[in-house]
């Protein structure tokens, strides 16, 4: 189900997330929530590569990943006190929740096995589709 809901420039987003190790070692740079005139909500998340990826390694790892979750039906943003830069330590998690796309930004220690576990995350979005751009 997830594979059908997320595509990037004709590529499968799940494959792209996998290729870049679900963006482990990246940092959350920004979150923007857009309330559109048609009543829909879009969320834009920008991740920046952490310092452990050096240019010297010659790895095909992007510096920036921009993720848009479209037609959002639910989200949670909880800022932990004292955190200046939010690291994506355990990777971005993708789940199918009742035919919608759920995305957790590394708050959960592992891939959630069910919706209840996913919804315990402090930083997630649920929407109809995901667009991913990497630079």
C-alpha atoms as a PDB file:
ATOM      1  CA  UNK A   1       0.000   0.000   0.000  1.00  0.00           C
ATOM      2  CA  UNK A   2       2.683   2.505   0.952  1.00  0.00           C
ATOM      3  CA  UNK A   3       4.498   2.061  -2.345  1.00  0.00           C
ATOM      4  CA  UNK A   4       1.434   3.231  -4.286  1.00  0.00           C
ATOM      5  CA  UNK A   5       0.975   6.371  -2.203  1.00  0.00           C
ATOM      6  CA  UNK A   6       4.442   7.814  -2.423  1.00  0.00           C
ATOM      7  CA  UNK A   7       6.401   8.548  -5.539  1.00  0.00           C
ATOM      8  CA  UNK A   8       9.254  10.878  -6.326  1.00  0.00           C
ATOM      9  CA  UNK A   9       9.923  11.829  -9.940  1.00  0.00           C
ATOM     10  CA  UNK A  10       8.651   8.441 -11.088  1.00  0.00           C
ATOM     11  CA  UNK A  11      10.733   6.634  -8.443  1.00  0.00           C
ATOM     12  CA  UNK A  12       9.301   4.890  -5.455  1.00  0.00           C
ATOM     13  CA  UNK A  13       9.811   6.973  -2.296  1.00  0.00           C
ATOM     14  CA  UNK A  14      10.228   3.875  -0.123  1.00  0.00           C
ATOM     15  CA  UNK A  15      13.146   2.804  -2.342  1.00  0.00           C
ATOM     16  CA  UNK A  16      14.608   6.311  -2.124  1.00  0.00           C
ATOM     17  CA  UNK A  17      14.249   6.413   1.671  1.00  0.00           C
ATOM     18  CA  UNK A  18      15.916   2.991   1.818  1.00  0.00           C
ATOM     19  CA  UNK A  19      18.733   4.120  -0.505  1.00  0.00           C
ATOM     20  CA  UNK A  20      19.548   6.967   1.906  1.00  0.00           C
ATOM     21  CA  UNK A  21      19.168   4.791   5.047  1.00  0.00           C
ATOM     22  CA  UNK A  22      15.889   6.511   5.966  1.00  0.00           C
ATOM     23  CA  UNK A  23      17.887   9.728   6.537  1.00  0.00           C
ATOM     24  CA  UNK A  24      19.622   8.500   9.706  1.00  0.00           C
ATOM     25  CA  UNK A  25      22.204  11.057  10.762  1.00  0.00           C
ATOM     26  CA  UNK A  26      20.245  13.964   9.304  1.00  0.00           C
ATOM     27  CA  UNK A  27      18.866  16.842  11.381  1.00  0.00           C
ATOM     28  CA  UNK A  28      15.425  18.398  11.253  1.00  0.00           C
ATOM     29  CA  UNK A  29      15.973  21.852   9.813  1.00  0.00           C
ATOM     30  CA  UNK A  30      12.446  23.200   9.443  1.00  0.00           C
ATOM     31  CA  UNK A  31       8.764  22.343   9.505  1.00  0.00           C
ATOM     32  CA  UNK A  32       6.121  24.448   7.759  1.00  0.00           C
ATOM     33  CA  UNK A  33       2.405  23.766   7.934  1.00  0.00           C
ATOM     34  CA  UNK A  34       0.275  25.259   5.164  1.00  0.00           C
ATOM     35  CA  UNK A  35      -3.470  25.682   5.608  1.00  0.00           C
ATOM     36  CA  UNK A  36      -4.824  25.865   2.068  1.00  0.00           C
ATOM     37  CA  UNK A  37      -7.931  27.693   0.899  1.00  0.00           C
ATOM     38  CA  UNK A  38      -9.662  24.434   0.001  1.00  0.00           C
ATOM     39  CA  UNK A  39      -9.459  23.340   3.650  1.00  0.00           C
ATOM     40  CA  UNK A  40      -6.575  20.938   3.096  1.00  0.00           C
ATOM     41  CA  UNK A  41      -3.335  20.976   5.080  1.00  0.00           C
ATOM     42  CA  UNK A  42       0.137  20.341   3.666  1.00  0.00           C
ATOM     43  CA  UNK A  43       3.252  19.884   5.811  1.00  0.00           C
ATOM     44  CA  UNK A  44       6.744  20.606   4.511  1.00  0.00           C
ATOM     45  CA  UNK A  45       9.741  19.179   6.369  1.00  0.00           C
ATOM     46  CA  UNK A  46      13.354  19.932   5.539  1.00  0.00           C
ATOM     47  CA  UNK A  47      16.158  17.658   6.725  1.00  0.00           C
ATOM     48  CA  UNK A  48      19.878  18.517   6.519  1.00  0.00           C
ATOM     49  CA  UNK A  49      22.693  15.991   6.412  1.00  0.00           C
ATOM     50  CA  UNK A  50      24.746  15.696   9.593  1.00  0.00           C
ATOM     51  CA  UNK A  51      28.508  16.199   9.830  1.00  0.00           C
ATOM     52  CA  UNK A  52      29.423  12.508   9.893  1.00  0.00           C
ATOM     53  CA  UNK A  53      28.881  12.356   6.129  1.00  0.00           C
ATOM     54  CA  UNK A  54      32.057  13.864   4.728  1.00  0.00           C
ATOM     55  CA  UNK A  55      32.494  14.869   1.097  1.00  0.00           C
ATOM     56  CA  UNK A  56      35.691  12.764   1.190  1.00  0.00           C
ATOM     57  CA  UNK A  57      33.749   9.509   1.349  1.00  0.00           C
ATOM     58  CA  UNK A  58      32.292  10.049  -2.096  1.00  0.00           C
ATOM     59  CA  UNK A  59      28.918   8.743  -0.897  1.00  0.00           C
ATOM     60  CA  UNK A  60      25.821   9.543  -2.899  1.00  0.00           C
ATOM     61  CA  UNK A  61      24.114  11.121   0.110  1.00  0.00           C
ATOM     62  CA  UNK A  62      22.123  14.321  -0.381  1.00  0.00           C
ATOM     63  CA  UNK A  63      22.811  17.428   1.706  1.00  0.00           C
ATOM     64  CA  UNK A  64      19.124  18.293   1.993  1.00  0.00           C
ATOM     65  CA  UNK A  65      15.918  16.265   1.840  1.00  0.00           C
ATOM     66  CA  UNK A  66      12.629  18.140   1.470  1.00  0.00           C
ATOM     67  CA  UNK A  67       9.556  16.101   2.299  1.00  0.00           C
ATOM     68  CA  UNK A  68       6.008  17.289   1.694  1.00  0.00           C
ATOM     69  CA  UNK A  69       3.070  15.422   3.202  1.00  0.00           C
ATOM     70  CA  UNK A  70      -0.047  16.354   1.240  1.00  0.00           C
ATOM     71  CA  UNK A  71      -3.673  16.434   2.355  1.00  0.00           C
ATOM     72  CA  UNK A  72      -2.750  15.932   6.018  1.00  0.00           C
ATOM     73  CA  UNK A  73      -5.477  14.529   8.262  1.00  0.00           C
ATOM     74  CA  UNK A  74      -3.488  14.358  11.504  1.00  0.00           C
ATOM     75  CA  UNK A  75      -0.163  15.474  12.906  1.00  0.00           C
ATOM     76  CA  UNK A  76       1.719  15.950  16.155  1.00  0.00           C
ATOM     77  CA  UNK A  77       4.630  18.272  16.865  1.00  0.00           C
ATOM     78  CA  UNK A  78       6.107  18.186  20.329  1.00  0.00           C
ATOM     79  CA  UNK A  79       9.303  20.114  20.993  1.00  0.00           C
ATOM     80  CA  UNK A  80      11.414  18.508  23.682  1.00  0.00           C
ATOM     81  CA  UNK A  81      12.799  21.141  26.074  1.00  0.00           C
ATOM     82  CA  UNK A  82      16.479  21.944  25.631  1.00  0.00           C
ATOM     83  CA  UNK A  83      16.799  20.376  22.160  1.00  0.00           C
ATOM     84  CA  UNK A  84      18.435  22.823  19.779  1.00  0.00           C
ATOM     85  CA  UNK A  85      18.776  20.522  16.750  1.00  0.00           C
ATOM     86  CA  UNK A  86      16.500  17.510  16.416  1.00  0.00           C
ATOM     87  CA  UNK A  87      18.533  14.560  15.099  1.00  0.00           C
ATOM     88  CA  UNK A  88      16.988  11.779  13.019  1.00  0.00           C
ATOM     89  CA  UNK A  89      18.724   9.062  15.037  1.00  0.00           C
ATOM     90  CA  UNK A  90      16.613   6.013  14.202  1.00  0.00           C
ATOM     91  CA  UNK A  91      15.572   7.118  10.713  1.00  0.00           C
ATOM     92  CA  UNK A  92      12.313   8.289   9.227  1.00  0.00           C
ATOM     93  CA  UNK A  93       9.575   5.651   9.595  1.00  0.00           C
ATOM     94  CA  UNK A  94       6.860   5.143   6.976  1.00  0.00           C
ATOM     95  CA  UNK A  95       3.604   3.313   7.693  1.00  0.00           C
ATOM     96  CA  UNK A  96       0.235   2.701   6.063  1.00  0.00           C
ATOM     97  CA  UNK A  97      -2.573   3.769   8.403  1.00  0.00           C
ATOM     98  CA  UNK A  98      -6.040   2.991   7.066  1.00  0.00           C
ATOM     99  CA  UNK A  99      -4.983   3.732   3.498  1.00  0.00           C
ATOM    100  CA  UNK A 100      -3.136   6.924   4.428  1.00  0.00           C
ATOM    101  CA  UNK A 101       0.582   7.556   4.632  1.00  0.00           C
ATOM    102  CA  UNK A 102       2.097   7.973   8.080  1.00  0.00           C
ATOM    103  CA  UNK A 103       5.590   9.404   8.531  1.00  0.00           C
ATOM    104  CA  UNK A 104       7.478   9.594  11.835  1.00  0.00           C
ATOM    105  CA  UNK A 105      10.639  11.681  12.036  1.00  0.00           C
ATOM    106  CA  UNK A 106      12.871   9.470  14.133  1.00  0.00           C
ATOM    107  CA  UNK A 107      11.086   9.856  17.453  1.00  0.00           C
ATOM    108  CA  UNK A 108      10.326   6.126  17.658  1.00  0.00           C
ATOM    109  CA  UNK A 109      13.230   3.758  18.381  1.00  0.00           C
ATOM    110  CA  UNK A 110      12.242   1.333  15.607  1.00  0.00           C
ATOM    111  CA  UNK A 111       9.768   0.851  12.766  1.00  0.00           C
ATOM    112  CA  UNK A 112       6.287   0.832  14.392  1.00  0.00           C
ATOM    113  CA  UNK A 113       4.399  -2.441  13.998  1.00  0.00           C
ATOM    114  CA  UNK A 114       0.919  -0.934  14.398  1.00  0.00           C
ATOM    115  CA  UNK A 115      -1.012   2.356  14.310  1.00  0.00           C
ATOM    116  CA  UNK A 116      -1.148   2.616  18.109  1.00  0.00           C
ATOM    117  CA  UNK A 117       2.643   2.541  18.352  1.00  0.00           C
ATOM    118  CA  UNK A 118       2.971   5.013  15.469  1.00  0.00           C
ATOM    119  CA  UNK A 119       0.548   7.435  17.123  1.00  0.00           C
ATOM    120  CA  UNK A 120       2.712   7.465  20.271  1.00  0.00           C
ATOM    121  CA  UNK A 121       5.374   9.407  18.327  1.00  0.00           C
ATOM    122  CA  UNK A 122       5.870  13.035  19.275  1.00  0.00           C
ATOM    123  CA  UNK A 123       6.658  14.071  15.693  1.00  0.00           C
ATOM    124  CA  UNK A 124       4.480  12.595  12.943  1.00  0.00           C
ATOM    125  CA  UNK A 125       2.224  13.433  10.012  1.00  0.00           C
ATOM    126  CA  UNK A 126      -0.531  11.396   8.360  1.00  0.00           C
ATOM    127  CA  UNK A 127      -1.586  12.360   4.857  1.00  0.00           C
ATOM    128  CA  UNK A 128      -2.759  11.105   1.477  1.00  0.00           C
ATOM    129  CA  UNK A 129       0.606  11.357  -0.308  1.00  0.00           C
ATOM    130  CA  UNK A 130       4.264  12.208   0.144  1.00  0.00           C
ATOM    131  CA  UNK A 131       6.571  14.086  -2.205  1.00  0.00           C
ATOM    132  CA  UNK A 132      10.341  13.865  -1.704  1.00  0.00           C
ATOM    133  CA  UNK A 133      13.065  16.047  -3.203  1.00  0.00           C
ATOM    134  CA  UNK A 134      16.737  15.472  -2.450  1.00  0.00           C
ATOM    135  CA  UNK A 135      19.630  17.818  -3.275  1.00  0.00           C
END
